[in-house]
């Protein structure tokens, strides 16, 4: 093969603004963009019988601008001798498509950079806010307990209680934001340890006892055995608190919330079921994403950031588990999560 061009359409000359002589005998490599040379060289070898080769690279137009070409080549073999007779090459200008692809890539890079900046901002701001909040909570606790004598007017006792409750609520929200920022930034590190799930459930039920009493909601634990997990204790407790708190919050007076546990296939399962207001199918598909909440008046009336379920989902998946949620409007919601069993417990399962 001498590399002579036996035929070239006028379209090629119009596309590149160059004559056939300028690109003959391998001359096309002289107008290929230096960064795309390796891609273009793929077409300098002869394709095998039945093989098609495609390469995408930039070439220099006569007027000095670069075009993106998509070039496909096939070899024609002599049936009698099996030797190569000709090579057919088809080129098309894909500059517009490539510009669109590059624009999308750039937009994705900007979005990723913005997301990282947002996560860093949330993490930094959360740290800055937690310090004064801890002081507010601590001093309001001292005032509530009247550690240094009576406050005087009874209204001050009520104000100190409200300050303490509001500070605790705000601190919980900030902690959720901090953890979500760490997860999104890939900086959340788990510290798995052998832990008794039953003890953690009892702790969470004690913490939420007042919330349930105030809402006249019954809190129950119906566990089929209490699995011993190999998991991050703080993360598991946070998952349980979020699930139970949500369930109590959205269950009307007279309803109940039931937490159940069991073990199967080397995993410890936790289920939280409530007889609350339920969630529509449309809203259910969105929940579990950061800052998403159900679009109902009842949901919005309860407030919150929409981070609770997103944290539950992220922390569960961080342990290699799954987050499953089912709900019916007016009948209630059930959420099931799972965590790895500790080695000894797994052997007994």
C-alpha atoms as a PDB file:
ATOM      1  CA  UNK A   1       0.000   0.000   0.000  1.00  0.00           C
ATOM      2  CA  UNK A   2       1.472   3.348  -1.073  1.00  0.00           C
ATOM      3  CA  UNK A   3      -1.025   5.530   0.750  1.00  0.00           C
ATOM      4  CA  UNK A   4      -2.207   7.168  -2.482  1.00  0.00           C
ATOM      5  CA  UNK A   5      -5.689   8.677  -2.371  1.00  0.00           C
ATOM      6  CA  UNK A   6      -7.671   7.145  -5.218  1.00  0.00           C
ATOM      7  CA  UNK A   7     -10.801   9.154  -4.534  1.00  0.00           C
ATOM      8  CA  UNK A   8     -11.811  11.976  -2.184  1.00  0.00           C
ATOM      9  CA  UNK A   9     -15.164  13.718  -2.185  1.00  0.00           C
ATOM     10  CA  UNK A  10     -15.474  17.455  -2.573  1.00  0.00           C
ATOM     11  CA  UNK A  11     -17.127  17.525   0.849  1.00  0.00           C
ATOM     12  CA  UNK A  12     -13.792  16.769   2.530  1.00  0.00           C
ATOM     13  CA  UNK A  13     -12.115  19.719   0.834  1.00  0.00           C
ATOM     14  CA  UNK A  14     -15.026  21.980   1.760  1.00  0.00           C
ATOM     15  CA  UNK A  15     -14.970  20.760   5.343  1.00  0.00           C
ATOM     16  CA  UNK A  16     -11.232  21.330   5.886  1.00  0.00           C
ATOM     17  CA  UNK A  17     -10.615  24.090   3.372  1.00  0.00           C
ATOM     18  CA  UNK A  18      -7.674  21.995   2.085  1.00  0.00           C
ATOM     19  CA  UNK A  19      -6.881  20.142  -1.131  1.00  0.00           C
ATOM     20  CA  UNK A  20      -6.427  16.376  -1.366  1.00  0.00           C
ATOM     21  CA  UNK A  21      -2.695  16.859  -2.045  1.00  0.00           C
ATOM     22  CA  UNK A  22      -2.252  18.495   1.362  1.00  0.00           C
ATOM     23  CA  UNK A  23      -3.501  15.438   3.219  1.00  0.00           C
ATOM     24  CA  UNK A  24      -2.174  12.665   0.933  1.00  0.00           C
ATOM     25  CA  UNK A  25       0.603  10.227   1.921  1.00  0.00           C
ATOM     26  CA  UNK A  26      -0.020  10.606   5.631  1.00  0.00           C
ATOM     27  CA  UNK A  27      -0.070  14.381   5.391  1.00  0.00           C
ATOM     28  CA  UNK A  28      -3.235  14.520   7.497  1.00  0.00           C
ATOM     29  CA  UNK A  29      -1.075  13.915  10.594  1.00  0.00           C
ATOM     30  CA  UNK A  30       0.513  17.310   9.998  1.00  0.00           C
ATOM     31  CA  UNK A  31      -2.806  19.028  10.673  1.00  0.00           C
ATOM     32  CA  UNK A  32      -3.878  16.905  13.669  1.00  0.00           C
ATOM     33  CA  UNK A  33      -3.916  18.662  17.038  1.00  0.00           C
ATOM     34  CA  UNK A  34      -0.757  17.651  18.986  1.00  0.00           C
ATOM     35  CA  UNK A  35      -2.836  16.423  21.952  1.00  0.00           C
ATOM     36  CA  UNK A  36      -4.847  14.096  19.673  1.00  0.00           C
ATOM     37  CA  UNK A  37      -1.926  12.571  17.780  1.00  0.00           C
ATOM     38  CA  UNK A  38      -2.115   9.227  19.595  1.00  0.00           C
ATOM     39  CA  UNK A  39      -5.822   8.949  18.805  1.00  0.00           C
ATOM     40  CA  UNK A  40      -5.267   9.765  15.119  1.00  0.00           C
ATOM     41  CA  UNK A  41      -2.421   7.263  14.767  1.00  0.00           C
ATOM     42  CA  UNK A  42      -4.874   4.455  15.463  1.00  0.00           C
ATOM     43  CA  UNK A  43      -6.015   4.852  11.856  1.00  0.00           C
ATOM     44  CA  UNK A  44      -2.547   4.494  10.322  1.00  0.00           C
ATOM     45  CA  UNK A  45      -2.596   0.705  10.713  1.00  0.00           C
ATOM     46  CA  UNK A  46      -4.645  -1.556   8.449  1.00  0.00           C
ATOM     47  CA  UNK A  47      -7.904  -2.893   9.993  1.00  0.00           C
ATOM     48  CA  UNK A  48      -8.403  -6.667  10.044  1.00  0.00           C
ATOM     49  CA  UNK A  49     -11.028  -8.247   7.750  1.00  0.00           C
ATOM     50  CA  UNK A  50     -14.497  -7.219   8.913  1.00  0.00           C
ATOM     51  CA  UNK A  51     -13.078  -4.736  11.434  1.00  0.00           C
ATOM     52  CA  UNK A  52     -14.042  -1.062  11.607  1.00  0.00           C
ATOM     53  CA  UNK A  53     -11.920   1.492  13.403  1.00  0.00           C
ATOM     54  CA  UNK A  54     -13.162   4.809  14.681  1.00  0.00           C
ATOM     55  CA  UNK A  55     -11.157   7.719  16.015  1.00  0.00           C
ATOM     56  CA  UNK A  56     -12.170  11.184  17.163  1.00  0.00           C
ATOM     57  CA  UNK A  57      -9.654  14.014  16.991  1.00  0.00           C
ATOM     58  CA  UNK A  58      -9.130  17.656  16.116  1.00  0.00           C
ATOM     59  CA  UNK A  59      -7.704  18.823  12.793  1.00  0.00           C
ATOM     60  CA  UNK A  60      -6.574  22.266  11.718  1.00  0.00           C
ATOM     61  CA  UNK A  61      -8.803  24.025   9.193  1.00  0.00           C
ATOM     62  CA  UNK A  62      -7.161  26.158   6.542  1.00  0.00           C
ATOM     63  CA  UNK A  63      -8.443  29.288   8.315  1.00  0.00           C
ATOM     64  CA  UNK A  64      -6.612  28.402  11.546  1.00  0.00           C
ATOM     65  CA  UNK A  65      -9.446  26.972  13.666  1.00  0.00           C
ATOM     66  CA  UNK A  66      -9.694  23.383  14.819  1.00  0.00           C
ATOM     67  CA  UNK A  67     -12.528  21.061  13.861  1.00  0.00           C
ATOM     68  CA  UNK A  68     -13.523  17.854  15.632  1.00  0.00           C
ATOM     69  CA  UNK A  69     -13.687  14.922  13.209  1.00  0.00           C
ATOM     70  CA  UNK A  70     -15.080  11.464  13.736  1.00  0.00           C
ATOM     71  CA  UNK A  71     -13.273   9.174  11.294  1.00  0.00           C
ATOM     72  CA  UNK A  72     -14.223   5.579  10.505  1.00  0.00           C
ATOM     73  CA  UNK A  73     -11.988   3.276   8.431  1.00  0.00           C
ATOM     74  CA  UNK A  74     -12.441  -0.186   6.917  1.00  0.00           C
ATOM     75  CA  UNK A  75     -10.128  -2.249   4.748  1.00  0.00           C
ATOM     76  CA  UNK A  76     -11.234  -4.000   1.523  1.00  0.00           C
ATOM     77  CA  UNK A  77      -9.503  -7.345   1.015  1.00  0.00           C
ATOM     78  CA  UNK A  78      -9.026  -9.336  -2.223  1.00  0.00           C
ATOM     79  CA  UNK A  79     -11.140 -12.486  -1.981  1.00  0.00           C
ATOM     80  CA  UNK A  80      -8.672 -14.518  -4.024  1.00  0.00           C
ATOM     81  CA  UNK A  81      -5.355 -13.465  -2.461  1.00  0.00           C
ATOM     82  CA  UNK A  82      -6.515 -12.192   0.912  1.00  0.00           C
ATOM     83  CA  UNK A  83      -4.408  -9.060   0.444  1.00  0.00           C
ATOM     84  CA  UNK A  84      -5.551  -5.549   1.187  1.00  0.00           C
ATOM     85  CA  UNK A  85      -6.814  -3.768  -1.922  1.00  0.00           C
ATOM     86  CA  UNK A  86      -8.030  -0.446  -0.532  1.00  0.00           C
ATOM     87  CA  UNK A  87      -8.848   1.367   2.692  1.00  0.00           C
ATOM     88  CA  UNK A  88     -12.081   3.311   2.884  1.00  0.00           C
ATOM     89  CA  UNK A  89     -12.233   6.239   5.294  1.00  0.00           C
ATOM     90  CA  UNK A  90     -15.344   8.277   6.132  1.00  0.00           C
ATOM     91  CA  UNK A  91     -15.024  11.530   8.087  1.00  0.00           C
ATOM     92  CA  UNK A  92     -17.678  13.784   9.531  1.00  0.00           C
ATOM     93  CA  UNK A  93     -17.561  17.078  11.367  1.00  0.00           C
ATOM     94  CA  UNK A  94     -18.773  16.641  14.949  1.00  0.00           C
ATOM     95  CA  UNK A  95     -17.597  20.022  16.261  1.00  0.00           C
ATOM     96  CA  UNK A  96     -21.081  21.083  17.359  1.00  0.00           C
ATOM     97  CA  UNK A  97     -21.693  17.823  19.227  1.00  0.00           C
ATOM     98  CA  UNK A  98     -18.264  17.969  20.845  1.00  0.00           C
ATOM     99  CA  UNK A  99     -18.769  21.566  21.932  1.00  0.00           C
ATOM    100  CA  UNK A 100     -22.023  20.521  23.593  1.00  0.00           C
ATOM    101  CA  UNK A 101     -20.314  17.586  25.343  1.00  0.00           C
ATOM    102  CA  UNK A 102     -17.496  19.823  26.577  1.00  0.00           C
ATOM    103  CA  UNK A 103     -20.038  22.345  27.824  1.00  0.00           C
ATOM    104  CA  UNK A 104     -21.811  19.608  29.793  1.00  0.00           C
ATOM    105  CA  UNK A 105     -18.499  18.390  31.249  1.00  0.00           C
ATOM    106  CA  UNK A 106     -17.586  21.922  32.272  1.00  0.00           C
ATOM    107  CA  UNK A 107     -20.997  22.392  33.888  1.00  0.00           C
ATOM    108  CA  UNK A 108     -20.569  19.132  35.798  1.00  0.00           C
ATOM    109  CA  UNK A 109     -17.131  20.204  37.003  1.00  0.00           C
ATOM    110  CA  UNK A 110     -18.546  23.552  38.148  1.00  0.00           C
ATOM    111  CA  UNK A 111     -21.396  21.781  39.924  1.00  0.00           C
ATOM    112  CA  UNK A 112     -18.988  19.393  41.666  1.00  0.00           C
ATOM    113  CA  UNK A 113     -16.766  22.301  42.708  1.00  0.00           C
ATOM    114  CA  UNK A 114     -19.806  24.181  44.035  1.00  0.00           C
ATOM    115  CA  UNK A 115     -20.942  21.089  45.931  1.00  0.00           C
ATOM    116  CA  UNK A 116     -17.509  20.674  47.534  1.00  0.00           C
ATOM    117  CA  UNK A 117     -17.444  24.368  48.430  1.00  0.00           C
ATOM    118  CA  UNK A 118     -20.926  24.060  49.958  1.00  0.00           C
ATOM    119  CA  UNK A 119     -19.906  21.016  51.997  1.00  0.00           C
ATOM    120  CA  UNK A 120     -16.752  22.775  53.225  1.00  0.00           C
ATOM    121  CA  UNK A 121     -18.780  25.872  54.118  1.00  0.00           C
ATOM    122  CA  UNK A 122     -21.375  23.840  56.017  1.00  0.00           C
ATOM    123  CA  UNK A 123     -18.674  21.953  57.899  1.00  0.00           C
ATOM    124  CA  UNK A 124     -16.820  25.143  58.865  1.00  0.00           C
ATOM    125  CA  UNK A 125     -19.967  27.055  59.811  1.00  0.00           C
ATOM    126  CA  UNK A 126     -21.308  24.131  61.806  1.00  0.00           C
ATOM    127  CA  UNK A 127     -18.125  24.045  63.905  1.00  0.00           C
ATOM    128  CA  UNK A 128     -18.294  27.804  64.434  1.00  0.00           C
ATOM    129  CA  UNK A 129     -21.937  27.666  65.518  1.00  0.00           C
ATOM    130  CA  UNK A 130     -21.612  24.705  67.867  1.00  0.00           C
ATOM    131  CA  UNK A 131     -19.163  26.452  70.198  1.00  0.00           C
ATOM    132  CA  UNK A 132     -21.438  29.353  71.266  1.00  0.00           C
ATOM    133  CA  UNK A 133     -24.468  27.052  71.254  1.00  0.00           C
ATOM    134  CA  UNK A 134     -22.834  24.718  73.759  1.00  0.00           C
ATOM    135  CA  UNK A 135     -22.262  27.737  75.993  1.00  0.00           C
ATOM    136  CA  UNK A 136     -25.914  28.811  75.652  1.00  0.00           C
ATOM    137  CA  UNK A 137     -27.138  25.307  76.480  1.00  0.00           C
ATOM    138  CA  UNK A 138     -24.732  24.937  79.406  1.00  0.00           C
ATOM    139  CA  UNK A 139     -25.548  28.274  81.037  1.00  0.00           C
ATOM    140  CA  UNK A 140     -29.303  27.848  80.500  1.00  0.00           C
ATOM    141  CA  UNK A 141     -28.997  24.438  82.195  1.00  0.00           C
ATOM    142  CA  UNK A 142     -27.357  26.103  85.202  1.00  0.00           C
ATOM    143  CA  UNK A 143     -30.194  28.640  85.293  1.00  0.00           C
ATOM    144  CA  UNK A 144     -32.849  25.930  85.091  1.00  0.00           C
ATOM    145  CA  UNK A 145     -31.249  24.059  87.988  1.00  0.00           C
ATOM    146  CA  UNK A 146     -30.803  27.355  89.898  1.00  0.00           C
ATOM    147  CA  UNK A 147     -27.294  26.271  90.815  1.00  0.00           C
ATOM    148  CA  UNK A 148     -26.432  29.643  92.386  1.00  0.00           C
ATOM    149  CA  UNK A 149     -29.772  30.493  93.917  1.00  0.00           C
ATOM    150  CA  UNK A 150     -33.310  31.345  92.774  1.00  0.00           C
ATOM    151  CA  UNK A 151     -33.839  33.386  89.618  1.00  0.00           C
ATOM    152  CA  UNK A 152     -36.525  35.559  91.145  1.00  0.00           C
ATOM    153  CA  UNK A 153     -39.625  35.911  89.006  1.00  0.00           C
ATOM    154  CA  UNK A 154     -41.097  32.516  88.026  1.00  0.00           C
ATOM    155  CA  UNK A 155     -41.188  33.619  84.410  1.00  0.00           C
ATOM    156  CA  UNK A 156     -37.383  33.485  84.301  1.00  0.00           C
ATOM    157  CA  UNK A 157     -37.544  29.754  84.984  1.00  0.00           C
ATOM    158  CA  UNK A 158     -39.812  29.323  81.972  1.00  0.00           C
ATOM    159  CA  UNK A 159     -37.548  31.493  79.818  1.00  0.00           C
ATOM    160  CA  UNK A 160     -34.460  29.483  80.838  1.00  0.00           C
ATOM    161  CA  UNK A 161     -36.300  26.267  79.929  1.00  0.00           C
ATOM    162  CA  UNK A 162     -37.241  27.659  76.499  1.00  0.00           C
ATOM    163  CA  UNK A 163     -33.677  28.856  75.867  1.00  0.00           C
ATOM    164  CA  UNK A 164     -32.367  25.403  76.765  1.00  0.00           C
ATOM    165  CA  UNK A 165     -34.898  23.564  74.560  1.00  0.00           C
ATOM    166  CA  UNK A 166     -34.314  25.881  71.593  1.00  0.00           C
ATOM    167  CA  UNK A 167     -30.545  25.608  71.965  1.00  0.00           C
ATOM    168  CA  UNK A 168     -30.694  21.806  72.050  1.00  0.00           C
ATOM    169  CA  UNK A 169     -32.941  21.751  68.980  1.00  0.00           C
ATOM    170  CA  UNK A 170     -30.635  24.086  67.074  1.00  0.00           C
ATOM    171  CA  UNK A 171     -27.587  22.055  68.094  1.00  0.00           C
ATOM    172  CA  UNK A 172     -29.248  18.882  66.778  1.00  0.00           C
ATOM    173  CA  UNK A 173     -29.931  20.573  63.436  1.00  0.00           C
ATOM    174  CA  UNK A 174     -26.345  21.816  63.192  1.00  0.00           C
ATOM    175  CA  UNK A 175     -24.984  18.360  64.063  1.00  0.00           C
ATOM    176  CA  UNK A 176     -27.082  16.876  61.246  1.00  0.00           C
ATOM    177  CA  UNK A 177     -25.738  19.494  58.819  1.00  0.00           C
ATOM    178  CA  UNK A 178     -22.157  18.813  59.907  1.00  0.00           C
ATOM    179  CA  UNK A 179     -22.502  15.056  59.471  1.00  0.00           C
ATOM    180  CA  UNK A 180     -24.196  15.445  56.077  1.00  0.00           C
ATOM    181  CA  UNK A 181     -21.408  17.780  54.947  1.00  0.00           C
ATOM    182  CA  UNK A 182     -18.797  15.233  56.055  1.00  0.00           C
ATOM    183  CA  UNK A 183     -20.579  12.427  54.210  1.00  0.00           C
ATOM    184  CA  UNK A 184     -20.891  14.447  50.991  1.00  0.00           C
ATOM    185  CA  UNK A 185     -17.223  15.457  51.236  1.00  0.00           C
ATOM    186  CA  UNK A 186     -16.216  11.819  51.840  1.00  0.00           C
ATOM    187  CA  UNK A 187     -14.654  12.746  55.182  1.00  0.00           C
ATOM    188  CA  UNK A 188     -16.898  10.841  57.572  1.00  0.00           C
ATOM    189  CA  UNK A 189     -14.880   8.002  59.117  1.00  0.00           C
ATOM    190  CA  UNK A 190     -16.693   5.211  60.936  1.00  0.00           C
ATOM    191  CA  UNK A 191     -15.284   3.578  64.069  1.00  0.00           C
ATOM    192  CA  UNK A 192     -16.890   0.097  64.087  1.00  0.00           C
ATOM    193  CA  UNK A 193     -16.974  -1.733  67.414  1.00  0.00           C
ATOM    194  CA  UNK A 194     -18.837  -4.605  69.026  1.00  0.00           C
ATOM    195  CA  UNK A 195     -22.054  -3.091  70.391  1.00  0.00           C
ATOM    196  CA  UNK A 196     -25.254  -4.329  71.997  1.00  0.00           C
ATOM    197  CA  UNK A 197     -28.153  -3.027  69.925  1.00  0.00           C
ATOM    198  CA  UNK A 198     -30.572  -3.591  72.808  1.00  0.00           C
ATOM    199  CA  UNK A 199     -28.705  -1.110  75.024  1.00  0.00           C
ATOM    200  CA  UNK A 200     -28.722   1.505  72.263  1.00  0.00           C
ATOM    201  CA  UNK A 201     -32.456   1.080  71.706  1.00  0.00           C
ATOM    202  CA  UNK A 202     -33.123   1.466  75.455  1.00  0.00           C
ATOM    203  CA  UNK A 203     -31.024   4.665  75.508  1.00  0.00           C
ATOM    204  CA  UNK A 204     -32.957   6.120  72.549  1.00  0.00           C
ATOM    205  CA  UNK A 205     -36.325   5.244  74.078  1.00  0.00           C
ATOM    206  CA  UNK A 206     -35.334   7.019  77.303  1.00  0.00           C
ATOM    207  CA  UNK A 207     -34.215  10.118  75.368  1.00  0.00           C
ATOM    208  CA  UNK A 208     -37.503  10.280  73.438  1.00  0.00           C
ATOM    209  CA  UNK A 209     -39.756   9.419  76.388  1.00  0.00           C
ATOM    210  CA  UNK A 210     -40.759  13.031  77.080  1.00  0.00           C
ATOM    211  CA  UNK A 211     -41.380  13.798  73.390  1.00  0.00           C
ATOM    212  CA  UNK A 212     -43.662  10.755  73.150  1.00  0.00           C
ATOM    213  CA  UNK A 213     -45.508  11.624  76.392  1.00  0.00           C
ATOM    214  CA  UNK A 214     -46.059  15.213  75.276  1.00  0.00           C
ATOM    215  CA  UNK A 215     -47.471  13.978  71.951  1.00  0.00           C
ATOM    216  CA  UNK A 216     -49.490  11.202  73.664  1.00  0.00           C
ATOM    217  CA  UNK A 217     -47.756   8.607  71.492  1.00  0.00           C
ATOM    218  CA  UNK A 218     -46.986   5.092  72.774  1.00  0.00           C
ATOM    219  CA  UNK A 219     -43.368   3.951  72.290  1.00  0.00           C
ATOM    220  CA  UNK A 220     -42.856   0.180  72.165  1.00  0.00           C
ATOM    221  CA  UNK A 221     -39.930  -2.195  71.655  1.00  0.00           C
ATOM    222  CA  UNK A 222     -40.769  -5.609  70.207  1.00  0.00           C
ATOM    223  CA  UNK A 223     -37.457  -7.250  69.439  1.00  0.00           C
ATOM    224  CA  UNK A 224     -36.981 -10.832  68.262  1.00  0.00           C
ATOM    225  CA  UNK A 225     -33.640 -11.095  69.996  1.00  0.00           C
ATOM    226  CA  UNK A 226     -31.280  -8.130  70.339  1.00  0.00           C
ATOM    227  CA  UNK A 227     -28.454  -8.464  67.784  1.00  0.00           C
ATOM    228  CA  UNK A 228     -24.872  -7.628  68.672  1.00  0.00           C
ATOM    229  CA  UNK A 229     -23.529  -5.409  65.900  1.00  0.00           C
ATOM    230  CA  UNK A 230     -20.100  -4.586  64.526  1.00  0.00           C
ATOM    231  CA  UNK A 231     -20.847  -0.945  63.787  1.00  0.00           C
ATOM    232  CA  UNK A 232     -20.149   2.658  64.690  1.00  0.00           C
ATOM    233  CA  UNK A 233     -22.005   3.156  67.988  1.00  0.00           C
ATOM    234  CA  UNK A 234     -22.629   6.872  67.479  1.00  0.00           C
ATOM    235  CA  UNK A 235     -23.869   6.348  63.906  1.00  0.00           C
ATOM    236  CA  UNK A 236     -26.306   3.591  64.899  1.00  0.00           C
ATOM    237  CA  UNK A 237     -27.643   5.726  67.758  1.00  0.00           C
ATOM    238  CA  UNK A 238     -28.058   8.667  65.393  1.00  0.00           C
ATOM    239  CA  UNK A 239     -29.958   6.472  62.919  1.00  0.00           C
ATOM    240  CA  UNK A 240     -32.299   5.237  65.669  1.00  0.00           C
ATOM    241  CA  UNK A 241     -32.869   8.679  67.153  1.00  0.00           C
ATOM    242  CA  UNK A 242     -33.708  10.148  63.752  1.00  0.00           C
ATOM    243  CA  UNK A 243     -36.106   7.332  62.869  1.00  0.00           C
ATOM    244  CA  UNK A 244     -37.839   7.310  66.252  1.00  0.00           C
ATOM    245  CA  UNK A 245     -38.004  11.093  66.521  1.00  0.00           C
ATOM    246  CA  UNK A 246     -39.514  11.351  63.029  1.00  0.00           C
ATOM    247  CA  UNK A 247     -42.024   8.604  63.805  1.00  0.00           C
ATOM    248  CA  UNK A 248     -43.137  10.261  67.072  1.00  0.00           C
ATOM    249  CA  UNK A 249     -43.270  13.700  65.433  1.00  0.00           C
ATOM    250  CA  UNK A 250     -45.612  12.584  62.644  1.00  0.00           C
ATOM    251  CA  UNK A 251     -47.833  10.269  64.687  1.00  0.00           C
ATOM    252  CA  UNK A 252     -51.046  11.873  66.004  1.00  0.00           C
ATOM    253  CA  UNK A 253     -52.126  11.562  69.675  1.00  0.00           C
ATOM    254  CA  UNK A 254     -53.261   8.061  70.541  1.00  0.00           C
ATOM    255  CA  UNK A 255     -50.974   6.452  67.947  1.00  0.00           C
ATOM    256  CA  UNK A 256     -47.970   4.245  68.530  1.00  0.00           C
ATOM    257  CA  UNK A 257     -44.394   3.778  67.388  1.00  0.00           C
ATOM    258  CA  UNK A 258     -42.819   0.309  67.459  1.00  0.00           C
ATOM    259  CA  UNK A 259     -39.120  -0.465  67.087  1.00  0.00           C
ATOM    260  CA  UNK A 260     -38.254  -4.090  66.252  1.00  0.00           C
ATOM    261  CA  UNK A 261     -34.951  -5.913  65.726  1.00  0.00           C
ATOM    262  CA  UNK A 262     -33.926  -9.285  64.358  1.00  0.00           C
ATOM    263  CA  UNK A 263     -30.953 -10.926  62.687  1.00  0.00           C
ATOM    264  CA  UNK A 264     -30.616 -12.815  59.409  1.00  0.00           C
ATOM    265  CA  UNK A 265     -27.887 -13.635  56.873  1.00  0.00           C
ATOM    266  CA  UNK A 266     -25.117 -12.050  58.926  1.00  0.00           C
ATOM    267  CA  UNK A 267     -26.981  -8.753  59.364  1.00  0.00           C
ATOM    268  CA  UNK A 268     -28.808  -7.093  62.239  1.00  0.00           C
ATOM    269  CA  UNK A 269     -32.101  -5.489  61.186  1.00  0.00           C
ATOM    270  CA  UNK A 270     -33.929  -2.552  62.766  1.00  0.00           C
ATOM    271  CA  UNK A 271     -37.520  -1.673  61.896  1.00  0.00           C
ATOM    272  CA  UNK A 272     -39.359   1.452  63.073  1.00  0.00           C
ATOM    273  CA  UNK A 273     -43.100   1.396  62.391  1.00  0.00           C
ATOM    274  CA  UNK A 274     -45.559   4.152  63.221  1.00  0.00           C
ATOM    275  CA  UNK A 275     -49.299   4.675  62.866  1.00  0.00           C
ATOM    276  CA  UNK A 276     -48.771   8.248  61.712  1.00  0.00           C
ATOM    277  CA  UNK A 277     -49.979  10.420  58.866  1.00  0.00           C
ATOM    278  CA  UNK A 278     -48.088   8.440  56.212  1.00  0.00           C
ATOM    279  CA  UNK A 279     -46.411   9.654  53.040  1.00  0.00           C
ATOM    280  CA  UNK A 280     -47.677   9.730  49.450  1.00  0.00           C
ATOM    281  CA  UNK A 281     -45.977   7.650  46.750  1.00  0.00           C
ATOM    282  CA  UNK A 282     -44.692  10.800  45.008  1.00  0.00           C
ATOM    283  CA  UNK A 283     -43.119  12.165  48.192  1.00  0.00           C
ATOM    284  CA  UNK A 284     -41.750   8.757  49.175  1.00  0.00           C
ATOM    285  CA  UNK A 285     -39.601   8.639  46.025  1.00  0.00           C
ATOM    286  CA  UNK A 286     -37.833  11.884  47.009  1.00  0.00           C
ATOM    287  CA  UNK A 287     -37.292  11.308  50.713  1.00  0.00           C
ATOM    288  CA  UNK A 288     -33.827  10.150  51.663  1.00  0.00           C
ATOM    289  CA  UNK A 289     -32.226  12.875  49.533  1.00  0.00           C
ATOM    290  CA  UNK A 290     -30.615  15.755  51.464  1.00  0.00           C
ATOM    291  CA  UNK A 291     -32.937  18.682  52.285  1.00  0.00           C
ATOM    292  CA  UNK A 292     -36.004  16.894  50.860  1.00  0.00           C
ATOM    293  CA  UNK A 293     -39.281  16.888  52.779  1.00  0.00           C
ATOM    294  CA  UNK A 294     -42.766  15.679  51.972  1.00  0.00           C
ATOM    295  CA  UNK A 295     -44.893  18.415  50.401  1.00  0.00           C
ATOM    296  CA  UNK A 296     -47.797  18.380  52.844  1.00  0.00           C
ATOM    297  CA  UNK A 297     -49.009  21.034  55.262  1.00  0.00           C
ATOM    298  CA  UNK A 298     -48.716  18.564  58.125  1.00  0.00           C
ATOM    299  CA  UNK A 299     -45.078  17.863  57.281  1.00  0.00           C
ATOM    300  CA  UNK A 300     -44.116  21.526  56.980  1.00  0.00           C
ATOM    301  CA  UNK A 301     -45.909  22.364  60.225  1.00  0.00           C
ATOM    302  CA  UNK A 302     -43.482  20.088  62.070  1.00  0.00           C
ATOM    303  CA  UNK A 303     -40.422  21.918  60.719  1.00  0.00           C
ATOM    304  CA  UNK A 304     -36.945  20.424  60.247  1.00  0.00           C
ATOM    305  CA  UNK A 305     -34.224  20.549  57.616  1.00  0.00           C
ATOM    306  CA  UNK A 306     -35.102  17.408  55.685  1.00  0.00           C
ATOM    307  CA  UNK A 307     -31.706  15.932  56.609  1.00  0.00           C
ATOM    308  CA  UNK A 308     -32.892  13.242  59.048  1.00  0.00           C
ATOM    309  CA  UNK A 309     -33.762  10.506  56.569  1.00  0.00           C
ATOM    310  CA  UNK A 310     -30.857  11.474  54.300  1.00  0.00           C
ATOM    311  CA  UNK A 311     -28.500  10.900  57.240  1.00  0.00           C
ATOM    312  CA  UNK A 312     -30.175   7.600  58.096  1.00  0.00           C
ATOM    313  CA  UNK A 313     -29.787   6.418  54.514  1.00  0.00           C
ATOM    314  CA  UNK A 314     -26.176   7.628  54.206  1.00  0.00           C
ATOM    315  CA  UNK A 315     -25.024   6.191  57.547  1.00  0.00           C
ATOM    316  CA  UNK A 316     -26.712   2.847  56.830  1.00  0.00           C
ATOM    317  CA  UNK A 317     -25.157   2.587  53.368  1.00  0.00           C
ATOM    318  CA  UNK A 318     -21.781   3.615  54.827  1.00  0.00           C
ATOM    319  CA  UNK A 319     -21.992   0.364  56.834  1.00  0.00           C
ATOM    320  CA  UNK A 320     -22.809  -1.573  53.664  1.00  0.00           C
ATOM    321  CA  UNK A 321     -26.484  -1.821  54.599  1.00  0.00           C
ATOM    322  CA  UNK A 322     -29.773  -0.830  52.978  1.00  0.00           C
ATOM    323  CA  UNK A 323     -32.456   1.738  53.769  1.00  0.00           C
ATOM    324  CA  UNK A 324     -35.982   0.601  52.878  1.00  0.00           C
ATOM    325  CA  UNK A 325     -39.063   2.756  53.432  1.00  0.00           C
ATOM    326  CA  UNK A 326     -42.741   1.923  52.905  1.00  0.00           C
ATOM    327  CA  UNK A 327     -45.723   4.109  53.705  1.00  0.00           C
ATOM    328  CA  UNK A 328     -49.446   4.637  53.172  1.00  0.00           C
ATOM    329  CA  UNK A 329     -51.171   7.961  53.632  1.00  0.00           C
ATOM    330  CA  UNK A 330     -53.287   7.889  56.777  1.00  0.00           C
ATOM    331  CA  UNK A 331     -52.014   4.470  57.862  1.00  0.00           C
ATOM    332  CA  UNK A 332     -48.379   4.981  58.810  1.00  0.00           C
ATOM    333  CA  UNK A 333     -44.786   4.403  57.786  1.00  0.00           C
ATOM    334  CA  UNK A 334     -42.223   1.634  58.221  1.00  0.00           C
ATOM    335  CA  UNK A 335     -38.468   2.074  57.790  1.00  0.00           C
ATOM    336  CA  UNK A 336     -36.042  -0.866  57.853  1.00  0.00           C
ATOM    337  CA  UNK A 337     -32.250  -0.560  58.036  1.00  0.00           C
ATOM    338  CA  UNK A 338     -29.537  -3.168  58.574  1.00  0.00           C
ATOM    339  CA  UNK A 339     -25.990  -3.336  59.928  1.00  0.00           C
ATOM    340  CA  UNK A 340     -23.296  -6.061  60.039  1.00  0.00           C
ATOM    341  CA  UNK A 341     -23.390  -8.475  62.974  1.00  0.00           C
ATOM    342  CA  UNK A 342     -20.400  -8.814  65.256  1.00  0.00           C
ATOM    343  CA  UNK A 343     -18.248 -11.892  64.538  1.00  0.00           C
ATOM    344  CA  UNK A 344     -19.439 -13.941  67.512  1.00  0.00           C
ATOM    345  CA  UNK A 345     -23.085 -13.087  66.945  1.00  0.00           C
ATOM    346  CA  UNK A 346     -22.751 -13.913  63.242  1.00  0.00           C
ATOM    347  CA  UNK A 347     -21.438 -17.390  64.073  1.00  0.00           C
ATOM    348  CA  UNK A 348     -24.528 -18.038  66.217  1.00  0.00           C
ATOM    349  CA  UNK A 349     -27.012 -16.647  63.644  1.00  0.00           C
END
